């Protein structure tokens, strides 16, 4: 086995392991992206250097699948949860207090404008 083939085998195995770990941790956004991107990089390098391309290919596929799971499953769930939270916050706002605060701010701006010296 030549030195290049040994390096390619190590990169292919690394890409495979990182791709599988990306699938396992696809619910964790930062860790998922780090593992998936590294899995794709090492897997692709292992594909081009090594003759044994099975592990490298599986690693690349697993890493891309982890990215797709995150994008199409978890992101919409997070967006829906954030939207529901925003709706709840808006429903619980005391509109009278908001209107009073706006009125006070408008009065303060008016007083400041009257107190400011006129520019010549």
PDB file of N, CA and C in Angstrom:
ATOM      1  N   UNK A   1       0.850  -1.182   0.000  1.00  0.00           N
ATOM      2  CA  UNK A   1       0.000   0.000   0.000  1.00  0.00           C
ATOM      3  C   UNK A   1       0.892   1.240   0.000  1.00  0.00           C
ATOM      4  N   UNK A   2       0.663   2.126  -0.918  1.00  0.00           N
ATOM      5  CA  UNK A   2       1.486   3.322  -1.005  1.00  0.00           C
ATOM      6  C   UNK A   2       1.065   4.331   0.054  1.00  0.00           C
ATOM      7  N   UNK A   3       1.907   5.325   0.244  1.00  0.00           N
ATOM      8  CA  UNK A   3       1.641   6.362   1.245  1.00  0.00           C
ATOM      9  C   UNK A   3       0.372   7.138   0.909  1.00  0.00           C
ATOM     10  N   UNK A   4       0.155   7.424  -0.367  1.00  0.00           N
ATOM     11  CA  UNK A   4      -1.044   8.161  -0.784  1.00  0.00           C
ATOM     12  C   UNK A   4      -2.301   7.336  -0.519  1.00  0.00           C
ATOM     13  N   UNK A   5      -2.236   6.035  -0.772  1.00  0.00           N
ATOM     14  CA  UNK A   5      -3.384   5.169  -0.538  1.00  0.00           C
ATOM     15  C   UNK A   5      -3.694   5.073   0.947  1.00  0.00           C
ATOM     16  N   UNK A   6      -2.655   5.020   1.793  1.00  0.00           N
ATOM     17  CA  UNK A   6      -2.875   4.983   3.241  1.00  0.00           C
ATOM     18  C   UNK A   6      -3.543   6.270   3.713  1.00  0.00           C
ATOM     19  N   UNK A   7      -3.061   7.410   3.219  1.00  0.00           N
ATOM     20  CA  UNK A   7      -3.670   8.690   3.584  1.00  0.00           C
ATOM     21  C   UNK A   7      -5.113   8.745   3.101  1.00  0.00           C
ATOM     22  N   UNK A   8      -5.352   8.260   1.894  1.00  0.00           N
ATOM     23  CA  UNK A   8      -6.711   8.254   1.355  1.00  0.00           C
ATOM     24  C   UNK A   8      -7.634   7.376   2.174  1.00  0.00           C
ATOM     25  N   UNK A   9      -7.119   6.237   2.636  1.00  0.00           N
ATOM     26  CA  UNK A   9      -7.937   5.352   3.462  1.00  0.00           C
ATOM     27  C   UNK A   9      -8.266   6.027   4.793  1.00  0.00           C
ATOM     28  N   UNK A  10      -7.306   6.703   5.378  1.00  0.00           N
ATOM     29  CA  UNK A  10      -7.546   7.414   6.632  1.00  0.00           C
ATOM     30  C   UNK A  10      -8.551   8.538   6.447  1.00  0.00           C
ATOM     31  N   UNK A  11      -8.451   9.256   5.355  1.00  0.00           N
ATOM     32  CA  UNK A  11      -9.396  10.337   5.073  1.00  0.00           C
ATOM     33  C   UNK A  11     -10.793   9.786   4.795  1.00  0.00           C
ATOM     34  N   UNK A  12     -10.861   8.656   4.100  1.00  0.00           N
ATOM     35  CA  UNK A  12     -12.156   8.041   3.823  1.00  0.00           C
ATOM     36  C   UNK A  12     -12.823   7.590   5.119  1.00  0.00           C
ATOM     37  N   UNK A  13     -12.062   6.967   6.013  1.00  0.00           N
ATOM     38  CA  UNK A  13     -12.606   6.524   7.301  1.00  0.00           C
ATOM     39  C   UNK A  13     -13.023   7.725   8.137  1.00  0.00           C
ATOM     40  N   UNK A  14     -12.214   8.777   8.116  1.00  0.00           N
ATOM     41  CA  UNK A  14     -12.563   9.996   8.857  1.00  0.00           C
ATOM     42  C   UNK A  14     -13.845  10.610   8.313  1.00  0.00           C
ATOM     43  N   UNK A  15     -13.978  10.681   6.996  1.00  0.00           N
ATOM     44  CA  UNK A  15     -15.199  11.202   6.381  1.00  0.00           C
ATOM     45  C   UNK A  15     -16.409  10.357   6.746  1.00  0.00           C
ATOM     46  N   UNK A  16     -16.229   9.032   6.767  1.00  0.00           N
ATOM     47  CA  UNK A  16     -17.313   8.125   7.138  1.00  0.00           C
ATOM     48  C   UNK A  16     -17.755   8.368   8.580  1.00  0.00           C
ATOM     49  N   UNK A  17     -16.803   8.422   9.497  1.00  0.00           N
ATOM     50  CA  UNK A  17     -17.122   8.621  10.915  1.00  0.00           C
ATOM     51  C   UNK A  17     -17.777   9.977  11.141  1.00  0.00           C
ATOM     52  N   UNK A  18     -17.241  11.023  10.527  1.00  0.00           N
ATOM     53  CA  UNK A  18     -17.824  12.351  10.687  1.00  0.00           C
ATOM     54  C   UNK A  18     -19.225  12.428  10.081  1.00  0.00           C
ATOM     55  N   UNK A  19     -19.446  11.770   8.955  1.00  0.00           N
ATOM     56  CA  UNK A  19     -20.769  11.751   8.336  1.00  0.00           C
ATOM     57  C   UNK A  19     -21.790  11.046   9.223  1.00  0.00           C
ATOM     58  N   UNK A  20     -21.402   9.920   9.805  1.00  0.00           N
ATOM     59  CA  UNK A  20     -22.303   9.187  10.706  1.00  0.00           C
ATOM     60  C   UNK A  20     -22.574  10.017  11.960  1.00  0.00           C
ATOM     61  N   UNK A  21     -21.540  10.636  12.513  1.00  0.00           N
ATOM     62  CA  UNK A  21     -21.738  11.489  13.695  1.00  0.00           C
ATOM     63  C   UNK A  21     -22.633  12.687  13.371  1.00  0.00           C
ATOM     64  N   UNK A  22     -22.516  13.220  12.176  1.00  0.00           N
ATOM     65  CA  UNK A  22     -23.395  14.330  11.769  1.00  0.00           C
ATOM     66  C   UNK A  22     -24.843  13.863  11.746  1.00  0.00           C
ATOM     67  N   UNK A  23     -25.088  12.633  11.286  1.00  0.00           N
ATOM     68  CA  UNK A  23     -26.449  12.097  11.299  1.00  0.00           C
ATOM     69  C   UNK A  23     -26.964  11.916  12.729  1.00  0.00           C
ATOM     70  N   UNK A  24     -26.089  11.422  13.602  1.00  0.00           N
ATOM     71  CA  UNK A  24     -26.491  11.185  14.991  1.00  0.00           C
ATOM     72  C   UNK A  24     -26.814  12.506  15.684  1.00  0.00           C
ATOM     73  N   UNK A  25     -26.014  13.532  15.413  1.00  0.00           N
ATOM     74  CA  UNK A  25     -26.176  14.819  16.083  1.00  0.00           C
ATOM     75  C   UNK A  25     -26.851  15.865  15.186  1.00  0.00           C
ATOM     76  N   UNK A  26     -27.707  15.425  14.255  1.00  0.00           N
ATOM     77  CA  UNK A  26     -28.331  16.387  13.336  1.00  0.00           C
ATOM     78  C   UNK A  26     -29.310  17.318  14.046  1.00  0.00           C
ATOM     79  N   UNK A  27     -29.711  17.027  15.253  1.00  0.00           N
ATOM     80  CA  UNK A  27     -30.618  17.894  16.014  1.00  0.00           C
ATOM     81  C   UNK A  27     -29.879  19.043  16.679  1.00  0.00           C
ATOM     82  N   UNK A  28     -28.561  18.998  16.714  1.00  0.00           N
ATOM     83  CA  UNK A  28     -27.739  20.029  17.360  1.00  0.00           C
ATOM     84  C   UNK A  28     -27.113  20.894  16.259  1.00  0.00           C
ATOM     85  N   UNK A  29     -27.594  22.129  16.074  1.00  0.00           N
ATOM     86  CA  UNK A  29     -27.242  22.894  14.876  1.00  0.00           C
ATOM     87  C   UNK A  29     -25.759  23.127  14.638  1.00  0.00           C
ATOM     88  N   UNK A  30     -25.055  23.640  15.606  1.00  0.00           N
ATOM     89  CA  UNK A  30     -23.645  23.982  15.375  1.00  0.00           C
ATOM     90  C   UNK A  30     -22.811  22.726  15.185  1.00  0.00           C
ATOM     91  N   UNK A  31     -23.005  21.749  16.053  1.00  0.00           N
ATOM     92  CA  UNK A  31     -22.252  20.497  15.956  1.00  0.00           C
ATOM     93  C   UNK A  31     -22.571  19.783  14.647  1.00  0.00           C
ATOM     94  N   UNK A  32     -23.834  19.803  14.252  1.00  0.00           N
ATOM     95  CA  UNK A  32     -24.236  19.166  12.998  1.00  0.00           C
ATOM     96  C   UNK A  32     -23.498  19.781  11.817  1.00  0.00           C
ATOM     97  N   UNK A  33     -23.471  21.101  11.742  1.00  0.00           N
ATOM     98  CA  UNK A  33     -22.824  21.755  10.608  1.00  0.00           C
ATOM     99  C   UNK A  33     -21.326  21.497  10.578  1.00  0.00           C
ATOM    100  N   UNK A  34     -20.690  21.536  11.737  1.00  0.00           N
ATOM    101  CA  UNK A  34     -19.247  21.277  11.782  1.00  0.00           C
ATOM    102  C   UNK A  34     -18.948  19.859  11.321  1.00  0.00           C
ATOM    103  N   UNK A  35     -19.661  18.888  11.908  1.00  0.00           N
ATOM    104  CA  UNK A  35     -19.427  17.487  11.548  1.00  0.00           C
ATOM    105  C   UNK A  35     -19.760  17.216  10.083  1.00  0.00           C
ATOM    106  N   UNK A  36     -20.869  17.767   9.612  1.00  0.00           N
ATOM    107  CA  UNK A  36     -21.292  17.499   8.236  1.00  0.00           C
ATOM    108  C   UNK A  36     -20.322  18.099   7.220  1.00  0.00           C
ATOM    109  N   UNK A  37     -19.912  19.326   7.442  1.00  0.00           N
ATOM    110  CA  UNK A  37     -18.989  19.968   6.491  1.00  0.00           C
ATOM    111  C   UNK A  37     -17.657  19.242   6.474  1.00  0.00           C
ATOM    112  N   UNK A  38     -17.141  18.925   7.653  1.00  0.00           N
ATOM    113  CA  UNK A  38     -15.882  18.173   7.697  1.00  0.00           C
ATOM    114  C   UNK A  38     -16.047  16.784   7.095  1.00  0.00           C
ATOM    115  N   UNK A  39     -17.202  16.156   7.334  1.00  0.00           N
ATOM    116  CA  UNK A  39     -17.465  14.838   6.754  1.00  0.00           C
ATOM    117  C   UNK A  39     -17.472  14.873   5.240  1.00  0.00           C
ATOM    118  N   UNK A  40     -18.094  15.903   4.670  1.00  0.00           N
ATOM    119  CA  UNK A  40     -18.113  16.035   3.213  1.00  0.00           C
ATOM    120  C   UNK A  40     -16.699  16.276   2.685  1.00  0.00           C
ATOM    121  N   UNK A  41     -15.966  17.156   3.344  1.00  0.00           N
ATOM    122  CA  UNK A  41     -14.603  17.479   2.872  1.00  0.00           C
ATOM    123  C   UNK A  41     -13.709  16.239   2.912  1.00  0.00           C
ATOM    124  N   UNK A  42     -13.646  15.586   4.086  1.00  0.00           N
ATOM    125  CA  UNK A  42     -12.781  14.403   4.205  1.00  0.00           C
ATOM    126  C   UNK A  42     -13.269  13.264   3.316  1.00  0.00           C
ATOM    127  N   UNK A  43     -14.591  13.115   3.201  1.00  0.00           N
ATOM    128  CA  UNK A  43     -15.125  12.061   2.348  1.00  0.00           C
ATOM    129  C   UNK A  43     -14.780  12.270   0.887  1.00  0.00           C
ATOM    130  N   UNK A  44     -14.914  13.508   0.408  1.00  0.00           N
ATOM    131  CA  UNK A  44     -14.584  13.784  -0.993  1.00  0.00           C
ATOM    132  C   UNK A  44     -13.099  13.614  -1.275  1.00  0.00           C
ATOM    133  N   UNK A  45     -12.269  14.072  -0.344  1.00  0.00           N
ATOM    134  CA  UNK A  45     -10.828  13.871  -0.539  1.00  0.00           C
ATOM    135  C   UNK A  45     -10.512  12.380  -0.546  1.00  0.00           C
ATOM    136  N   UNK A  46     -11.112  11.625   0.383  1.00  0.00           N
ATOM    137  CA  UNK A  46     -10.911  10.178   0.421  1.00  0.00           C
ATOM    138  C   UNK A  46     -11.416   9.490  -0.837  1.00  0.00           C
ATOM    139  N   UNK A  47     -12.491  10.005  -1.422  1.00  0.00           N
ATOM    140  CA  UNK A  47     -13.013   9.429  -2.669  1.00  0.00           C
ATOM    141  C   UNK A  47     -12.019   9.567  -3.816  1.00  0.00           C
ATOM    142  N   UNK A  48     -11.377  10.707  -3.894  1.00  0.00           N
ATOM    143  CA  UNK A  48     -10.484  10.951  -5.019  1.00  0.00           C
ATOM    144  C   UNK A  48      -9.093  10.333  -4.840  1.00  0.00           C
ATOM    145  N   UNK A  49      -8.681  10.094  -3.605  1.00  0.00           N
ATOM    146  CA  UNK A  49      -7.340   9.559  -3.373  1.00  0.00           C
ATOM    147  C   UNK A  49      -7.342   8.040  -3.270  1.00  0.00           C
ATOM    148  N   UNK A  50      -8.354   7.481  -2.663  1.00  0.00           N
ATOM    149  CA  UNK A  50      -8.355   6.072  -2.301  1.00  0.00           C
ATOM    150  C   UNK A  50      -9.078   5.222  -3.341  1.00  0.00           C
ATOM    151  N   UNK A  51      -8.632   3.963  -3.474  1.00  0.00           N
ATOM    152  CA  UNK A  51      -9.336   3.028  -4.347  1.00  0.00           C
ATOM    153  C   UNK A  51     -10.577   2.463  -3.662  1.00  0.00           C
ATOM    154  N   UNK A  52     -10.522   2.311  -2.365  1.00  0.00           N
ATOM    155  CA  UNK A  52     -11.663   1.801  -1.603  1.00  0.00           C
ATOM    156  C   UNK A  52     -12.587   2.976  -1.289  1.00  0.00           C
ATOM    157  N   UNK A  53     -13.552   3.180  -2.128  1.00  0.00           N
ATOM    158  CA  UNK A  53     -14.340   4.402  -2.051  1.00  0.00           C
ATOM    159  C   UNK A  53     -15.653   4.247  -1.288  1.00  0.00           C
ATOM    160  N   UNK A  54     -15.960   3.038  -0.817  1.00  0.00           N
ATOM    161  CA  UNK A  54     -17.243   2.782  -0.168  1.00  0.00           C
ATOM    162  C   UNK A  54     -17.459   3.605   1.084  1.00  0.00           C
ATOM    163  N   UNK A  55     -16.503   3.576   2.006  1.00  0.00           N
ATOM    164  CA  UNK A  55     -16.653   4.333   3.249  1.00  0.00           C
ATOM    165  C   UNK A  55     -16.710   5.829   2.985  1.00  0.00           C
ATOM    166  N   UNK A  56     -15.881   6.293   2.091  1.00  0.00           N
ATOM    167  CA  UNK A  56     -15.875   7.724   1.781  1.00  0.00           C
ATOM    168  C   UNK A  56     -17.215   8.150   1.196  1.00  0.00           C
ATOM    169  N   UNK A  57     -17.759   7.356   0.293  1.00  0.00           N
ATOM    170  CA  UNK A  57     -19.041   7.683  -0.320  1.00  0.00           C
ATOM    171  C   UNK A  57     -20.171   7.659   0.709  1.00  0.00           C
ATOM    172  N   UNK A  58     -20.170   6.653   1.580  1.00  0.00           N
ATOM    173  CA  UNK A  58     -21.187   6.583   2.633  1.00  0.00           C
ATOM    174  C   UNK A  58     -21.065   7.789   3.558  1.00  0.00           C
ATOM    175  N   UNK A  59     -19.844   8.198   3.884  1.00  0.00           N
ATOM    176  CA  UNK A  59     -19.628   9.368   4.733  1.00  0.00           C
ATOM    177  C   UNK A  59     -20.170  10.636   4.111  1.00  0.00           C
ATOM    178  N   UNK A  60     -19.921  10.821   2.817  1.00  0.00           N
ATOM    179  CA  UNK A  60     -20.426  12.007   2.122  1.00  0.00           C
ATOM    180  C   UNK A  60     -21.948  11.993   2.087  1.00  0.00           C
ATOM    181  N   UNK A  61     -22.531  10.847   1.773  1.00  0.00           N
ATOM    182  CA  UNK A  61     -23.990  10.739   1.720  1.00  0.00           C
ATOM    183  C   UNK A  61     -24.602  10.994   3.092  1.00  0.00           C
ATOM    184  N   UNK A  62     -23.999  10.437   4.145  1.00  0.00           N
ATOM    185  CA  UNK A  62     -24.517  10.634   5.506  1.00  0.00           C
ATOM    186  C   UNK A  62     -24.425  12.105   5.914  1.00  0.00           C
ATOM    187  N   UNK A  63     -23.321  12.757   5.572  1.00  0.00           N
ATOM    188  CA  UNK A  63     -23.152  14.170   5.929  1.00  0.00           C
ATOM    189  C   UNK A  63     -24.167  15.046   5.190  1.00  0.00           C
ATOM    190  N   UNK A  64     -24.385  14.778   3.926  1.00  0.00           N
ATOM    191  CA  UNK A  64     -25.369  15.547   3.154  1.00  0.00           C
ATOM    192  C   UNK A  64     -26.776  15.270   3.682  1.00  0.00           C
ATOM    193  N   UNK A  65     -27.047  14.031   4.057  1.00  0.00           N
ATOM    194  CA  UNK A  65     -28.351  13.695   4.637  1.00  0.00           C
ATOM    195  C   UNK A  65     -28.565  14.434   5.954  1.00  0.00           C
ATOM    196  N   UNK A  66     -27.523  14.549   6.766  1.00  0.00           N
ATOM    197  CA  UNK A  66     -27.640  15.276   8.037  1.00  0.00           C
ATOM    198  C   UNK A  66     -27.967  16.743   7.795  1.00  0.00           C
ATOM    199  N   UNK A  67     -27.347  17.342   6.794  1.00  0.00           N
ATOM    200  CA  UNK A  67     -27.647  18.738   6.453  1.00  0.00           C
ATOM    201  C   UNK A  67     -29.093  18.865   5.975  1.00  0.00           C
ATOM    202  N   UNK A  68     -29.539  17.930   5.151  1.00  0.00           N
ATOM    203  CA  UNK A  68     -30.917  17.976   4.647  1.00  0.00           C
ATOM    204  C   UNK A  68     -31.929  17.776   5.766  1.00  0.00           C
ATOM    205  N   UNK A  69     -31.651  16.857   6.684  1.00  0.00           N
ATOM    206  CA  UNK A  69     -32.556  16.648   7.819  1.00  0.00           C
ATOM    207  C   UNK A  69     -32.669  17.927   8.624  1.00  0.00           C
ATOM    208  N   UNK A  70     -31.538  18.560   8.889  1.00  0.00           N
ATOM    209  CA  UNK A  70     -31.569  19.812   9.646  1.00  0.00           C
ATOM    210  C   UNK A  70     -32.377  20.862   8.896  1.00  0.00           C
ATOM    211  N   UNK A  71     -32.109  21.008   7.617  1.00  0.00           N
ATOM    212  CA  UNK A  71     -32.735  22.066   6.829  1.00  0.00           C
ATOM    213  C   UNK A  71     -34.240  21.861   6.678  1.00  0.00           C
ATOM    214  N   UNK A  72     -34.664  20.644   6.396  1.00  0.00           N
ATOM    215  CA  UNK A  72     -36.064  20.425   6.049  1.00  0.00           C
ATOM    216  C   UNK A  72     -36.921  19.899   7.198  1.00  0.00           C
ATOM    217  N   UNK A  73     -36.313  19.509   8.306  1.00  0.00           N
ATOM    218  CA  UNK A  73     -37.106  19.019   9.428  1.00  0.00           C
ATOM    219  C   UNK A  73     -37.037  19.959  10.626  1.00  0.00           C
ATOM    220  N   UNK A  74     -35.821  20.287  11.056  1.00  0.00           N
ATOM    221  CA  UNK A  74     -35.678  21.067  12.278  1.00  0.00           C
ATOM    222  C   UNK A  74     -35.883  22.562  12.076  1.00  0.00           C
ATOM    223  N   UNK A  75     -35.427  23.106  10.986  1.00  0.00           N
ATOM    224  CA  UNK A  75     -35.578  24.546  10.754  1.00  0.00           C
ATOM    225  C   UNK A  75     -37.055  24.961  10.723  1.00  0.00           C
ATOM    226  N   UNK A  76     -37.934  24.246   9.999  1.00  0.00           N
ATOM    227  CA  UNK A  76     -39.358  24.638  10.051  1.00  0.00           C
ATOM    228  C   UNK A  76     -39.964  24.518  11.449  1.00  0.00           C
ATOM    229  N   UNK A  77     -39.549  23.504  12.214  1.00  0.00           N
ATOM    230  CA  UNK A  77     -40.059  23.369  13.587  1.00  0.00           C
ATOM    231  C   UNK A  77     -39.640  24.561  14.441  1.00  0.00           C
ATOM    232  N   UNK A  78     -38.408  24.986  14.289  1.00  0.00           N
ATOM    233  CA  UNK A  78     -37.922  26.137  15.052  1.00  0.00           C
ATOM    234  C   UNK A  78     -38.659  27.403  14.622  1.00  0.00           C
ATOM    235  N   UNK A  79     -38.867  27.570  13.328  1.00  0.00           N
ATOM    236  CA  UNK A  79     -39.587  28.745  12.837  1.00  0.00           C
ATOM    237  C   UNK A  79     -41.022  28.767  13.348  1.00  0.00           C
ATOM    238  N   UNK A  80     -41.683  27.615  13.360  1.00  0.00           N
ATOM    239  CA  UNK A  80     -43.057  27.554  13.869  1.00  0.00           C
ATOM    240  C   UNK A  80     -43.106  27.880  15.363  1.00  0.00           C
ATOM    241  N   UNK A  81     -42.149  27.349  16.113  1.00  0.00           N
ATOM    242  CA  UNK A  81     -42.119  27.624  17.553  1.00  0.00           C
ATOM    243  C   UNK A  81     -41.877  29.104  17.810  1.00  0.00           C
ATOM    244  N   UNK A  82     -40.982  29.709  17.048  1.00  0.00           N
ATOM    245  CA  UNK A  82     -40.710  31.137  17.216  1.00  0.00           C
ATOM    246  C   UNK A  82     -41.935  31.966  16.839  1.00  0.00           C
ATOM    247  N   UNK A  83     -42.626  31.573  15.784  1.00  0.00           N
ATOM    248  CA  UNK A  83     -43.839  32.281  15.387  1.00  0.00           C
ATOM    249  C   UNK A  83     -44.928  32.181  16.443  1.00  0.00           C
ATOM    250  N   UNK A  84     -45.097  30.993  17.025  1.00  0.00           N
ATOM    251  CA  UNK A  84     -46.085  30.815  18.089  1.00  0.00           C
ATOM    252  C   UNK A  84     -45.742  31.661  19.300  1.00  0.00           C
ATOM    253  N   UNK A  85     -44.461  31.701  19.654  1.00  0.00           N
ATOM    254  CA  UNK A  85     -44.026  32.504  20.795  1.00  0.00           C
ATOM    255  C   UNK A  85     -44.289  33.984  20.528  1.00  0.00           C
ATOM    256  N   UNK A  86     -44.001  34.439  19.315  1.00  0.00           N
ATOM    257  CA  UNK A  86     -44.227  35.843  18.960  1.00  0.00           C
ATOM    258  C   UNK A  86     -45.711  36.192  19.030  1.00  0.00           C
ATOM    259  N   UNK A  87     -46.571  35.288  18.537  1.00  0.00           N
ATOM    260  CA  UNK A  87     -48.013  35.513  18.617  1.00  0.00           C
ATOM    261  C   UNK A  87     -48.471  35.629  20.067  1.00  0.00           C
ATOM    262  N   UNK A  88     -47.948  34.741  20.904  1.00  0.00           N
ATOM    263  CA  UNK A  88     -48.331  34.764  22.321  1.00  0.00           C
ATOM    264  C   UNK A  88     -47.899  36.061  22.994  1.00  0.00           C
ATOM    265  N   UNK A  89     -46.713  36.513  22.675  1.00  0.00           N
ATOM    266  CA  UNK A  89     -46.224  37.768  23.253  1.00  0.00           C
ATOM    267  C   UNK A  89     -47.108  38.924  22.802  1.00  0.00           C
ATOM    268  N   UNK A  90     -47.449  38.966  21.527  1.00  0.00           N
ATOM    269  CA  UNK A  90     -48.294  40.046  21.014  1.00  0.00           C
ATOM    270  C   UNK A  90     -49.691  40.020  21.619  1.00  0.00           C
ATOM    271  N   UNK A  91     -50.209  38.838  21.880  1.00  0.00           N
ATOM    272  CA  UNK A  91     -51.541  38.738  22.478  1.00  0.00           C
ATOM    273  C   UNK A  91     -51.549  39.195  23.934  1.00  0.00           C
ATOM    274  N   UNK A  92     -50.430  39.053  24.614  1.00  0.00           N
ATOM    275  CA  UNK A  92     -50.361  39.386  26.036  1.00  0.00           C
ATOM    276  C   UNK A  92     -49.906  40.814  26.317  1.00  0.00           C
ATOM    277  N   UNK A  93     -49.678  41.587  25.282  1.00  0.00           N
ATOM    278  CA  UNK A  93     -49.242  42.967  25.470  1.00  0.00           C
ATOM    279  C   UNK A  93     -50.428  43.807  25.947  1.00  0.00           C
ATOM    280  N   UNK A  94     -50.183  44.638  26.948  1.00  0.00           N
ATOM    281  CA  UNK A  94     -51.221  45.541  27.443  1.00  0.00           C
ATOM    282  C   UNK A  94     -51.240  46.753  26.512  1.00  0.00           C
ATOM    283  N   UNK A  95     -52.242  46.810  25.664  1.00  0.00           N
ATOM    284  CA  UNK A  95     -52.310  47.843  24.627  1.00  0.00           C
ATOM    285  C   UNK A  95     -52.479  49.242  25.211  1.00  0.00           C
ATOM    286  N   UNK A  96     -53.151  49.338  26.337  1.00  0.00           N
ATOM    287  CA  UNK A  96     -53.329  50.658  26.951  1.00  0.00           C
ATOM    288  C   UNK A  96     -51.993  51.222  27.422  1.00  0.00           C
ATOM    289  N   UNK A  97     -51.171  50.367  28.031  1.00  0.00           N
ATOM    290  CA  UNK A  97     -49.869  50.837  28.494  1.00  0.00           C
ATOM    291  C   UNK A  97     -48.982  51.238  27.322  1.00  0.00           C
ATOM    292  N   UNK A  98     -49.055  50.491  26.242  1.00  0.00           N
ATOM    293  CA  UNK A  98     -48.266  50.831  25.052  1.00  0.00           C
ATOM    294  C   UNK A  98     -48.711  52.180  24.502  1.00  0.00           C
ATOM    295  N   UNK A  99     -50.017  52.400  24.416  1.00  0.00           N
ATOM    296  CA  UNK A  99     -50.533  53.679  23.921  1.00  0.00           C
ATOM    297  C   UNK A  99     -50.137  54.829  24.843  1.00  0.00           C
ATOM    298  N   UNK A 100     -50.167  54.607  26.170  1.00  0.00           N
ATOM    299  CA  UNK A 100     -49.739  55.636  27.118  1.00  0.00           C
ATOM    300  C   UNK A 100     -48.267  55.968  26.933  1.00  0.00           C
ATOM    301  N   UNK A 101     -47.433  54.941  26.749  1.00  0.00           N
ATOM    302  CA  UNK A 101     -45.999  55.165  26.559  1.00  0.00           C
ATOM    303  C   UNK A 101     -45.730  55.939  25.276  1.00  0.00           C
ATOM    304  N   UNK A 102     -46.465  55.615  24.224  1.00  0.00           N
ATOM    305  CA  UNK A 102     -46.309  56.346  22.960  1.00  0.00           C
ATOM    306  C   UNK A 102     -46.723  57.800  23.132  1.00  0.00           C
ATOM    307  N   UNK A 103     -47.816  58.040  23.841  1.00  0.00           N
ATOM    308  CA  UNK A 103     -48.288  59.406  24.080  1.00  0.00           C
ATOM    309  C   UNK A 103     -47.266  60.199  24.888  1.00  0.00           C
ATOM    310  N   UNK A 104     -46.701  59.570  25.941  1.00  0.00           N
ATOM    311  CA  UNK A 104     -45.688  60.244  26.760  1.00  0.00           C
ATOM    312  C   UNK A 104     -44.448  60.567  25.937  1.00  0.00           C
ATOM    313  N   UNK A 105     -44.049  59.637  25.077  1.00  0.00           N
ATOM    314  CA  UNK A 105     -42.884  59.883  24.224  1.00  0.00           C
ATOM    315  C   UNK A 105     -43.148  61.025  23.263  1.00  0.00           C
ATOM    316  N   UNK A 106     -44.331  61.070  22.697  1.00  0.00           N
ATOM    317  CA  UNK A 106     -44.680  62.152  21.770  1.00  0.00           C
ATOM    318  C   UNK A 106     -44.685  63.493  22.492  1.00  0.00           C
ATOM    319  N   UNK A 107     -45.210  63.524  23.722  1.00  0.00           N
ATOM    320  CA  UNK A 107     -45.211  64.763  24.502  1.00  0.00           C
ATOM    321  C   UNK A 107     -43.789  65.193  24.838  1.00  0.00           C
ATOM    322  N   UNK A 108     -42.913  64.238  25.184  1.00  0.00           N
ATOM    323  CA  UNK A 108     -41.528  64.571  25.506  1.00  0.00           C
ATOM    324  C   UNK A 108     -40.805  65.130  24.292  1.00  0.00           C
ATOM    325  N   UNK A 109     -41.069  64.569  23.121  1.00  0.00           N
ATOM    326  CA  UNK A 109     -40.454  65.076  21.893  1.00  0.00           C
ATOM    327  C   UNK A 109     -40.959  66.486  21.613  1.00  0.00           C
ATOM    328  N   UNK A 110     -42.233  66.713  21.819  1.00  0.00           N
ATOM    329  CA  UNK A 110     -42.818  68.040  21.582  1.00  0.00           C
ATOM    330  C   UNK A 110     -42.206  69.068  22.536  1.00  0.00           C
ATOM    331  N   UNK A 111     -42.070  68.716  23.812  1.00  0.00           N
ATOM    332  CA  UNK A 111     -41.453  69.625  24.794  1.00  0.00           C
ATOM    333  C   UNK A 111     -40.017  69.924  24.442  1.00  0.00           C
ATOM    334  N   UNK A 112     -39.277  68.890  24.028  1.00  0.00           N
ATOM    335  CA  UNK A 112     -37.870  69.096  23.645  1.00  0.00           C
ATOM    336  C   UNK A 112     -37.781  70.003  22.430  1.00  0.00           C
ATOM    337  N   UNK A 113     -38.703  69.864  21.496  1.00  0.00           N
ATOM    338  CA  UNK A 113     -38.674  70.699  20.296  1.00  0.00           C
ATOM    339  C   UNK A 113     -38.991  72.142  20.639  1.00  0.00           C
ATOM    340  N   UNK A 114     -39.882  72.363  21.584  1.00  0.00           N
ATOM    341  CA  UNK A 114     -40.222  73.716  21.985  1.00  0.00           C
ATOM    342  C   UNK A 114     -39.099  74.360  22.790  1.00  0.00           C
ATOM    343  N   UNK A 115     -38.388  73.555  23.598  1.00  0.00           N
ATOM    344  CA  UNK A 115     -37.329  74.078  24.438  1.00  0.00           C
ATOM    345  C   UNK A 115     -36.044  74.350  23.663  1.00  0.00           C
ATOM    346  N   UNK A 116     -35.881  73.706  22.541  1.00  0.00           N
ATOM    347  CA  UNK A 116     -34.658  73.877  21.753  1.00  0.00           C
ATOM    348  C   UNK A 116     -34.666  75.279  21.139  1.00  0.00           C
ATOM    349  N   UNK A 117     -33.498  75.941  21.137  1.00  0.00           N
ATOM    350  CA  UNK A 117     -33.443  77.272  20.527  1.00  0.00           C
ATOM    351  C   UNK A 117     -33.667  77.177  19.018  1.00  0.00           C
ATOM    352  N   UNK A 118     -34.334  78.145  18.500  1.00  0.00           N
ATOM    353  CA  UNK A 118     -34.614  78.173  17.060  1.00  0.00           C
ATOM    354  C   UNK A 118     -33.313  78.473  16.312  1.00  0.00           C
ATOM    355  N   UNK A 119     -33.106  77.753  15.255  1.00  0.00           N
ATOM    356  CA  UNK A 119     -31.901  77.985  14.447  1.00  0.00           C
ATOM    357  C   UNK A 119     -32.157  79.174  13.532  1.00  0.00           C
ATOM    358  N   UNK A 120     -31.110  79.965  13.327  1.00  0.00           N
ATOM    359  CA  UNK A 120     -31.293  81.118  12.467  1.00  0.00           C
ATOM    360  C   UNK A 120     -30.847  80.854  11.062  1.00  0.00           C
TER     361      UNK A 120
END
